Structure formats: structure tokens, C-alpha cells
Amino acid sequence: MAKNNAKAYWKENIRYVLILLSIWFVVSYGLGIILKDTLNTIKIGGFKLGFWFAQQGAIYVFVVLIFVYVRLMNKLDKKYGYDK
């Protein structure tokens, strides 16, 4: 039973990692590089939004995703009894 528990735990953990890294990829590559010209028509604080995502936004999103990952992992640990 413990082996099945560990397998399910890691499967769910890897799923979370892939989802969060996909979000970061879309923000950093998609918004910062691919959609840069479209986003540059919008300005925030005097800076073009495409430039902002390429220079700052991807980093901010990554930091937020770290906190989201910690919260998800705490819930996952409790769910599978690894929080002790």
C-alpha cells in the first residue's frame, strides 16, 4: 500500500511541476518573445508591456509560482500523510 501511495504522490507532484513550468514557459517565452510586439502597444509605468514581461514579468511570475508550488506540495503532503 505504501508503494502505491508513493507512486501516486510522485505522479501528482510531477503533474504539478509540469503545469507550473508550462505556465512559466508561456509567460516568459510566449509573452516576452512571441507576443512582444503586440504587447508593446500597451504601456505600464512608462514601459512597453512586452519589454516589461521580458525583463521583469517572467521573474515575478516565477517567484509567484514558487509560492504556489509550496502551497500545493503542503496540501499534497497532507493528502498522502507525508507531513509528519
PDB file of N, CA and C in Angstrom:
ATOM      1  N   MET A   1       0.824  -1.203   0.000  1.00  0.00           N
ATOM      2  CA  MET A   1       0.000   0.000   0.000  1.00  0.00           C
ATOM      3  C   MET A   1       0.864   1.261   0.000  1.00  0.00           C
ATOM      4  N   ALA A   2       1.955   1.235   0.764  1.00  0.00           N
ATOM      5  CA  ALA A   2       2.822   2.413   0.846  1.00  0.00           C
ATOM      6  C   ALA A   2       3.489   2.690  -0.495  1.00  0.00           C
ATOM      7  N   LYS A   3       3.808   1.617  -1.245  1.00  0.00           N
ATOM      8  CA  LYS A   3       4.441   1.793  -2.549  1.00  0.00           C
ATOM      9  C   LYS A   3       3.475   2.474  -3.527  1.00  0.00           C
ATOM     10  N   ASN A   4       2.201   2.056  -3.506  1.00  0.00           N
ATOM     11  CA  ASN A   4       1.183   2.686  -4.347  1.00  0.00           C
ATOM     12  C   ASN A   4       0.978   4.143  -3.943  1.00  0.00           C
ATOM     13  N   ASN A   5       1.023   4.397  -2.636  1.00  0.00           N
ATOM     14  CA  ASN A   5       0.891   5.760  -2.113  1.00  0.00           C
ATOM     15  C   ASN A   5       2.026   6.644  -2.627  1.00  0.00           C
ATOM     16  N   ALA A   6       3.241   6.125  -2.592  1.00  0.00           N
ATOM     17  CA  ALA A   6       4.402   6.887  -3.046  1.00  0.00           C
ATOM     18  C   ALA A   6       4.332   7.138  -4.548  1.00  0.00           C
ATOM     19  N   LYS A   7       3.891   6.137  -5.301  1.00  0.00           N
ATOM     20  CA  LYS A   7       3.754   6.313  -6.752  1.00  0.00           C
ATOM     21  C   LYS A   7       2.727   7.391  -7.083  1.00  0.00           C
ATOM     22  N   ALA A   8       1.593   7.348  -6.415  1.00  0.00           N
ATOM     23  CA  ALA A   8       0.537   8.339  -6.647  1.00  0.00           C
ATOM     24  C   ALA A   8       1.017   9.735  -6.247  1.00  0.00           C
ATOM     25  N   TYR A   9       1.753   9.795  -5.146  1.00  0.00           N
ATOM     26  CA  TYR A   9       2.297  11.073  -4.673  1.00  0.00           C
ATOM     27  C   TYR A   9       3.221  11.687  -5.726  1.00  0.00           C
ATOM     28  N   TRP A  10       4.166  10.903  -6.234  1.00  0.00           N
ATOM     29  CA  TRP A  10       5.119  11.425  -7.208  1.00  0.00           C
ATOM     30  C   TRP A  10       4.466  11.733  -8.543  1.00  0.00           C
ATOM     31  N   LYS A  11       3.466  10.953  -8.906  1.00  0.00           N
ATOM     32  CA  LYS A  11       2.741  11.231 -10.156  1.00  0.00           C
ATOM     33  C   LYS A  11       2.051  12.588 -10.068  1.00  0.00           C
ATOM     34  N   GLU A  12       1.410  12.840  -8.941  1.00  0.00           N
ATOM     35  CA  GLU A  12       0.733  14.125  -8.759  1.00  0.00           C
ATOM     36  C   GLU A  12       1.742  15.275  -8.645  1.00  0.00           C
ATOM     37  N   ASN A  13       2.862  15.026  -7.989  1.00  0.00           N
ATOM     38  CA  ASN A  13       3.918  16.018  -7.855  1.00  0.00           C
ATOM     39  C   ASN A  13       4.465  16.411  -9.229  1.00  0.00           C
ATOM     40  N   ILE A  14       4.761  15.431 -10.064  1.00  0.00           N
ATOM     41  CA  ILE A  14       5.278  15.700 -11.408  1.00  0.00           C
ATOM     42  C   ILE A  14       4.242  16.456 -12.240  1.00  0.00           C
ATOM     43  N   ARG A  15       2.978  16.110 -12.071  1.00  0.00           N
ATOM     44  CA  ARG A  15       1.914  16.831 -12.782  1.00  0.00           C
ATOM     45  C   ARG A  15       1.912  18.308 -12.404  1.00  0.00           C
ATOM     46  N   TYR A  16       2.036  18.598 -11.106  1.00  0.00           N
ATOM     47  CA  TYR A  16       2.098  19.991 -10.646  1.00  0.00           C
ATOM     48  C   TYR A  16       3.298  20.711 -11.250  1.00  0.00           C
ATOM     49  N   VAL A  17       4.448  20.063 -11.234  1.00  0.00           N
ATOM     50  CA  VAL A  17       5.669  20.678 -11.758  1.00  0.00           C
ATOM     51  C   VAL A  17       5.504  20.998 -13.247  1.00  0.00           C
ATOM     52  N   LEU A  18       4.974  20.055 -14.011  1.00  0.00           N
ATOM     53  CA  LEU A  18       4.802  20.273 -15.442  1.00  0.00           C
ATOM     54  C   LEU A  18       3.820  21.410 -15.739  1.00  0.00           C
ATOM     55  N   ILE A  19       2.743  21.475 -14.983  1.00  0.00           N
ATOM     56  CA  ILE A  19       1.765  22.545 -15.168  1.00  0.00           C
ATOM     57  C   ILE A  19       2.381  23.905 -14.842  1.00  0.00           C
ATOM     58  N   LEU A  20       3.079  23.989 -13.709  1.00  0.00           N
ATOM     59  CA  LEU A  20       3.664  25.265 -13.304  1.00  0.00           C
ATOM     60  C   LEU A  20       4.785  25.705 -14.242  1.00  0.00           C
ATOM     61  N   LEU A  21       5.602  24.768 -14.696  1.00  0.00           N
ATOM     62  CA  LEU A  21       6.653  25.120 -15.650  1.00  0.00           C
ATOM     63  C   LEU A  21       6.062  25.528 -17.003  1.00  0.00           C
ATOM     64  N   SER A  22       4.940  24.921 -17.372  1.00  0.00           N
ATOM     65  CA  SER A  22       4.266  25.315 -18.609  1.00  0.00           C
ATOM     66  C   SER A  22       3.762  26.750 -18.519  1.00  0.00           C
ATOM     67  N   ILE A  23       3.207  27.102 -17.378  1.00  0.00           N
ATOM     68  CA  ILE A  23       2.743  28.478 -17.168  1.00  0.00           C
ATOM     69  C   ILE A  23       3.922  29.443 -17.282  1.00  0.00           C
ATOM     70  N   TRP A  24       5.028  29.103 -16.646  1.00  0.00           N
ATOM     71  CA  TRP A  24       6.202  29.971 -16.703  1.00  0.00           C
ATOM     72  C   TRP A  24       6.734  30.089 -18.131  1.00  0.00           C
ATOM     73  N   PHE A  25       6.723  28.980 -18.864  1.00  0.00           N
ATOM     74  CA  PHE A  25       7.175  29.000 -20.255  1.00  0.00           C
ATOM     75  C   PHE A  25       6.295  29.920 -21.096  1.00  0.00           C
ATOM     76  N   VAL A  26       4.983  29.804 -20.934  1.00  0.00           N
ATOM     77  CA  VAL A  26       4.063  30.648 -21.707  1.00  0.00           C
ATOM     78  C   VAL A  26       4.292  32.120 -21.386  1.00  0.00           C
ATOM     79  N   VAL A  27       4.478  32.426 -20.115  1.00  0.00           N
ATOM     80  CA  VAL A  27       4.687  33.824 -19.725  1.00  0.00           C
ATOM     81  C   VAL A  27       6.032  34.331 -20.236  1.00  0.00           C
ATOM     82  N   SER A  28       7.098  33.566 -20.009  1.00  0.00           N
ATOM     83  CA  SER A  28       8.423  34.069 -20.374  1.00  0.00           C
ATOM     84  C   SER A  28       8.666  34.021 -21.880  1.00  0.00           C
ATOM     85  N   TYR A  29       8.340  32.920 -22.521  1.00  0.00           N
ATOM     86  CA  TYR A  29       8.606  32.797 -23.949  1.00  0.00           C
ATOM     87  C   TYR A  29       7.469  33.394 -24.783  1.00  0.00           C
ATOM     88  N   GLY A  30       6.241  33.033 -24.419  1.00  0.00           N
ATOM     89  CA  GLY A  30       5.087  33.498 -25.192  1.00  0.00           C
ATOM     90  C   GLY A  30       4.875  34.995 -25.101  1.00  0.00           C
ATOM     91  N   LEU A  31       4.798  35.506 -23.870  1.00  0.00           N
ATOM     92  CA  LEU A  31       4.523  36.933 -23.689  1.00  0.00           C
ATOM     93  C   LEU A  31       5.769  37.785 -23.865  1.00  0.00           C
ATOM     94  N   GLY A  32       6.921  37.257 -23.480  1.00  0.00           N
ATOM     95  CA  GLY A  32       8.141  38.045 -23.540  1.00  0.00           C
ATOM     96  C   GLY A  32       8.806  38.053 -24.902  1.00  0.00           C
ATOM     97  N   ILE A  33       8.541  37.034 -25.723  1.00  0.00           N
ATOM     98  CA  ILE A  33       9.218  36.946 -27.014  1.00  0.00           C
ATOM     99  C   ILE A  33       8.220  36.922 -28.177  1.00  0.00           C
ATOM    100  N   ILE A  34       7.316  35.955 -28.176  1.00  0.00           N
ATOM    101  CA  ILE A  34       6.413  35.783 -29.319  1.00  0.00           C
ATOM    102  C   ILE A  34       5.404  36.930 -29.442  1.00  0.00           C
ATOM    103  N   LEU A  35       4.766  37.291 -28.340  1.00  0.00           N
ATOM    104  CA  LEU A  35       3.739  38.341 -28.380  1.00  0.00           C
ATOM    105  C   LEU A  35       4.285  39.714 -27.992  1.00  0.00           C
ATOM    106  N   LYS A  36       5.595  39.848 -27.979  1.00  0.00           N
ATOM    107  CA  LYS A  36       6.239  41.096 -27.553  1.00  0.00           C
ATOM    108  C   LYS A  36       5.737  42.301 -28.336  1.00  0.00           C
ATOM    109  N   ASP A  37       5.695  42.189 -29.655  1.00  0.00           N
ATOM    110  CA  ASP A  37       5.287  43.341 -30.478  1.00  0.00           C
ATOM    111  C   ASP A  37       3.840  43.747 -30.217  1.00  0.00           C
ATOM    112  N   THR A  38       2.973  42.778 -30.047  1.00  0.00           N
ATOM    113  CA  THR A  38       1.569  43.070 -29.744  1.00  0.00           C
ATOM    114  C   THR A  38       1.442  43.723 -28.376  1.00  0.00           C
ATOM    115  N   LEU A  39       2.155  43.185 -27.390  1.00  0.00           N
ATOM    116  CA  LEU A  39       2.073  43.735 -26.034  1.00  0.00           C
ATOM    117  C   LEU A  39       2.744  45.100 -25.914  1.00  0.00           C
ATOM    118  N   ASN A  40       3.681  45.392 -26.804  1.00  0.00           N
ATOM    119  CA  ASN A  40       4.372  46.683 -26.744  1.00  0.00           C
ATOM    120  C   ASN A  40       3.462  47.864 -27.066  1.00  0.00           C
ATOM    121  N   THR A  41       2.262  47.604 -27.564  1.00  0.00           N
ATOM    122  CA  THR A  41       1.309  48.693 -27.805  1.00  0.00           C
ATOM    123  C   THR A  41       0.681  49.181 -26.499  1.00  0.00           C
ATOM    124  N   ILE A  42       0.838  48.400 -25.431  1.00  0.00           N
ATOM    125  CA  ILE A  42       0.308  48.754 -24.106  1.00  0.00           C
ATOM    126  C   ILE A  42       1.483  49.202 -23.235  1.00  0.00           C
ATOM    127  N   LYS A  43       1.274  50.268 -22.471  1.00  0.00           N
ATOM    128  CA  LYS A  43       2.337  50.762 -21.592  1.00  0.00           C
ATOM    129  C   LYS A  43       1.918  50.659 -20.136  1.00  0.00           C
ATOM    130  N   ILE A  44       2.877  50.259 -19.300  1.00  0.00           N
ATOM    131  CA  ILE A  44       2.687  50.211 -17.843  1.00  0.00           C
ATOM    132  C   ILE A  44       3.854  50.962 -17.220  1.00  0.00           C
ATOM    133  N   GLY A  45       3.565  51.994 -16.475  1.00  0.00           N
ATOM    134  CA  GLY A  45       4.615  52.765 -15.819  1.00  0.00           C
ATOM    135  C   GLY A  45       5.619  53.363 -16.790  1.00  0.00           C
ATOM    136  N   GLY A  46       5.176  53.670 -17.987  1.00  0.00           N
ATOM    137  CA  GLY A  46       6.056  54.257 -18.981  1.00  0.00           C
ATOM    138  C   GLY A  46       6.851  53.247 -19.796  1.00  0.00           C
ATOM    139  N   PHE A  47       6.716  51.957 -19.462  1.00  0.00           N
ATOM    140  CA  PHE A  47       7.433  50.913 -20.194  1.00  0.00           C
ATOM    141  C   PHE A  47       6.462  50.107 -21.036  1.00  0.00           C
ATOM    142  N   LYS A  48       6.921  49.665 -22.181  1.00  0.00           N
ATOM    143  CA  LYS A  48       6.094  48.822 -23.037  1.00  0.00           C
ATOM    144  C   LYS A  48       5.887  47.473 -22.355  1.00  0.00           C
ATOM    145  N   LEU A  49       4.658  46.953 -22.437  1.00  0.00           N
ATOM    146  CA  LEU A  49       4.309  45.732 -21.713  1.00  0.00           C
ATOM    147  C   LEU A  49       5.125  44.524 -22.184  1.00  0.00           C
ATOM    148  N   GLY A  50       5.412  44.420 -23.476  1.00  0.00           N
ATOM    149  CA  GLY A  50       6.229  43.313 -23.969  1.00  0.00           C
ATOM    150  C   GLY A  50       7.623  43.349 -23.380  1.00  0.00           C
ATOM    151  N   PHE A  51       8.210  44.530 -23.316  1.00  0.00           N
ATOM    152  CA  PHE A  51       9.525  44.700 -22.697  1.00  0.00           C
ATOM    153  C   PHE A  51       9.463  44.342 -21.222  1.00  0.00           C
ATOM    154  N   TRP A  52       8.402  44.790 -20.549  1.00  0.00           N
ATOM    155  CA  TRP A  52       8.257  44.517 -19.119  1.00  0.00           C
ATOM    156  C   TRP A  52       8.198  43.021 -18.850  1.00  0.00           C
ATOM    157  N   PHE A  53       7.399  42.279 -19.644  1.00  0.00           N
ATOM    158  CA  PHE A  53       7.320  40.829 -19.447  1.00  0.00           C
ATOM    159  C   PHE A  53       8.666  40.165 -19.694  1.00  0.00           C
ATOM    160  N   ALA A  54       9.384  40.619 -20.697  1.00  0.00           N
ATOM    161  CA  ALA A  54      10.680  40.016 -20.998  1.00  0.00           C
ATOM    162  C   ALA A  54      11.690  40.302 -19.886  1.00  0.00           C
ATOM    163  N   GLN A  55      11.629  41.469 -19.268  1.00  0.00           N
ATOM    164  CA  GLN A  55      12.633  41.859 -18.277  1.00  0.00           C
ATOM    165  C   GLN A  55      12.220  41.592 -16.840  1.00  0.00           C
ATOM    166  N   GLN A  56      10.950  41.772 -16.514  1.00  0.00           N
ATOM    167  CA  GLN A  56      10.506  41.671 -15.124  1.00  0.00           C
ATOM    168  C   GLN A  56       9.404  40.640 -14.912  1.00  0.00           C
ATOM    169  N   GLY A  57       8.445  40.615 -15.807  1.00  0.00           N
ATOM    170  CA  GLY A  57       7.241  39.803 -15.617  1.00  0.00           C
ATOM    171  C   GLY A  57       7.522  38.332 -15.429  1.00  0.00           C
ATOM    172  N   ALA A  58       8.421  37.782 -16.230  1.00  0.00           N
ATOM    173  CA  ALA A  58       8.724  36.356 -16.120  1.00  0.00           C
ATOM    174  C   ALA A  58       9.336  36.024 -14.765  1.00  0.00           C
ATOM    175  N   ILE A  59      10.148  36.937 -14.245  1.00  0.00           N
ATOM    176  CA  ILE A  59      10.760  36.713 -12.927  1.00  0.00           C
ATOM    177  C   ILE A  59       9.699  36.769 -11.837  1.00  0.00           C
ATOM    178  N   TYR A  60       8.811  37.760 -11.898  1.00  0.00           N
ATOM    179  CA  TYR A  60       7.737  37.863 -10.906  1.00  0.00           C
ATOM    180  C   TYR A  60       6.829  36.633 -10.948  1.00  0.00           C
ATOM    181  N   VAL A  61       6.483  36.208 -12.141  1.00  0.00           N
ATOM    182  CA  VAL A  61       5.627  35.024 -12.283  1.00  0.00           C
ATOM    183  C   VAL A  61       6.337  33.802 -11.706  1.00  0.00           C
ATOM    184  N   PHE A  62       7.635  33.660 -11.950  1.00  0.00           N
ATOM    185  CA  PHE A  62       8.386  32.530 -11.420  1.00  0.00           C
ATOM    186  C   PHE A  62       8.359  32.531  -9.888  1.00  0.00           C
ATOM    187  N   VAL A  63       8.542  33.681  -9.271  1.00  0.00           N
ATOM    188  CA  VAL A  63       8.513  33.770  -7.810  1.00  0.00           C
ATOM    189  C   VAL A  63       7.130  33.402  -7.276  1.00  0.00           C
ATOM    190  N   VAL A  64       6.088  33.896  -7.925  1.00  0.00           N
ATOM    191  CA  VAL A  64       4.724  33.551  -7.516  1.00  0.00           C
ATOM    192  C   VAL A  64       4.498  32.040  -7.661  1.00  0.00           C
ATOM    193  N   LEU A  65       4.990  31.463  -8.750  1.00  0.00           N
ATOM    194  CA  LEU A  65       4.832  30.020  -8.963  1.00  0.00           C
ATOM    195  C   LEU A  65       5.564  29.200  -7.913  1.00  0.00           C
ATOM    196  N   ILE A  66       6.664  29.712  -7.384  1.00  0.00           N
ATOM    197  CA  ILE A  66       7.357  29.022  -6.289  1.00  0.00           C
ATOM    198  C   ILE A  66       6.442  28.938  -5.075  1.00  0.00           C
ATOM    199  N   PHE A  67       5.797  30.047  -4.735  1.00  0.00           N
ATOM    200  CA  PHE A  67       4.880  30.044  -3.591  1.00  0.00           C
ATOM    201  C   PHE A  67       3.669  29.142  -3.850  1.00  0.00           C
ATOM    202  N   VAL A  68       3.165  29.139  -5.077  1.00  0.00           N
ATOM    203  CA  VAL A  68       2.054  28.243  -5.437  1.00  0.00           C
ATOM    204  C   VAL A  68       2.496  26.793  -5.288  1.00  0.00           C
ATOM    205  N   TYR A  69       3.706  26.479  -5.745  1.00  0.00           N
ATOM    206  CA  TYR A  69       4.224  25.114  -5.638  1.00  0.00           C
ATOM    207  C   TYR A  69       4.354  24.685  -4.175  1.00  0.00           C
ATOM    208  N   VAL A  70       4.855  25.575  -3.335  1.00  0.00           N
ATOM    209  CA  VAL A  70       4.983  25.257  -1.909  1.00  0.00           C
ATOM    210  C   VAL A  70       3.615  24.956  -1.311  1.00  0.00           C
ATOM    211  N   ARG A  71       2.632  25.760  -1.649  1.00  0.00           N
ATOM    212  CA  ARG A  71       1.281  25.538  -1.121  1.00  0.00           C
ATOM    213  C   ARG A  71       0.701  24.220  -1.630  1.00  0.00           C
ATOM    214  N   LEU A  72       0.876  23.947  -2.934  1.00  0.00           N
ATOM    215  CA  LEU A  72       0.383  22.688  -3.486  1.00  0.00           C
ATOM    216  C   LEU A  72       1.074  21.484  -2.842  1.00  0.00           C
ATOM    217  N   MET A  73       2.371  21.601  -2.616  1.00  0.00           N
ATOM    218  CA  MET A  73       3.109  20.490  -2.022  1.00  0.00           C
ATOM    219  C   MET A  73       2.710  20.271  -0.567  1.00  0.00           C
ATOM    220  N   ASN A  74       2.437  21.333   0.166  1.00  0.00           N
ATOM    221  CA  ASN A  74       1.960  21.177   1.544  1.00  0.00           C
ATOM    222  C   ASN A  74       0.630  20.429   1.568  1.00  0.00           C
ATOM    223  N   LYS A  75      -0.266  20.779   0.645  1.00  0.00           N
ATOM    224  CA  LYS A  75      -1.548  20.067   0.553  1.00  0.00           C
ATOM    225  C   LYS A  75      -1.334  18.616   0.157  1.00  0.00           C
ATOM    226  N   LEU A  76      -0.434  18.396  -0.796  1.00  0.00           N
ATOM    227  CA  LEU A  76      -0.150  17.038  -1.261  1.00  0.00           C
ATOM    228  C   LEU A  76       0.470  16.197  -0.143  1.00  0.00           C
ATOM    229  N   ASP A  77       1.377  16.782   0.616  1.00  0.00           N
ATOM    230  CA  ASP A  77       1.978  16.074   1.743  1.00  0.00           C
ATOM    231  C   ASP A  77       0.919  15.650   2.755  1.00  0.00           C
ATOM    232  N   LYS A  78      -0.013  16.543   3.049  1.00  0.00           N
ATOM    233  CA  LYS A  78      -1.087  16.205   3.989  1.00  0.00           C
ATOM    234  C   LYS A  78      -1.991  15.113   3.415  1.00  0.00           C
ATOM    235  N   LYS A  79      -2.286  15.220   2.136  1.00  0.00           N
ATOM    236  CA  LYS A  79      -3.165  14.245   1.488  1.00  0.00           C
ATOM    237  C   LYS A  79      -2.607  12.829   1.577  1.00  0.00           C
ATOM    238  N   TYR A  80      -1.294  12.689   1.409  1.00  0.00           N
ATOM    239  CA  TYR A  80      -0.673  11.363   1.410  1.00  0.00           C
ATOM    240  C   TYR A  80       0.025  11.029   2.725  1.00  0.00           C
ATOM    241  N   GLY A  81      -0.112  11.871   3.734  1.00  0.00           N
ATOM    242  CA  GLY A  81       0.424  11.572   5.056  1.00  0.00           C
ATOM    243  C   GLY A  81       1.922  11.748   5.192  1.00  0.00           C
ATOM    244  N   TYR A  82       2.522  12.597   4.373  1.00  0.00           N
ATOM    245  CA  TYR A  82       3.957  12.844   4.446  1.00  0.00           C
ATOM    246  C   TYR A  82       4.280  14.143   5.183  1.00  0.00           C
ATOM    247  N   ASP A  83       3.308  14.696   5.878  1.00  0.00           N
ATOM    248  CA  ASP A  83       3.508  15.976   6.543  1.00  0.00           C
ATOM    249  C   ASP A  83       3.998  15.833   7.980  1.00  0.00           C
ATOM    250  N   LYS A  84       4.300  14.651   8.393  1.00  0.00           N
ATOM    251  CA  LYS A  84       4.697  14.428   9.791  1.00  0.00           C
ATOM    252  C   LYS A  84       6.166  14.543   9.980  1.00  0.00           C
TER     253      LYS A  84
END
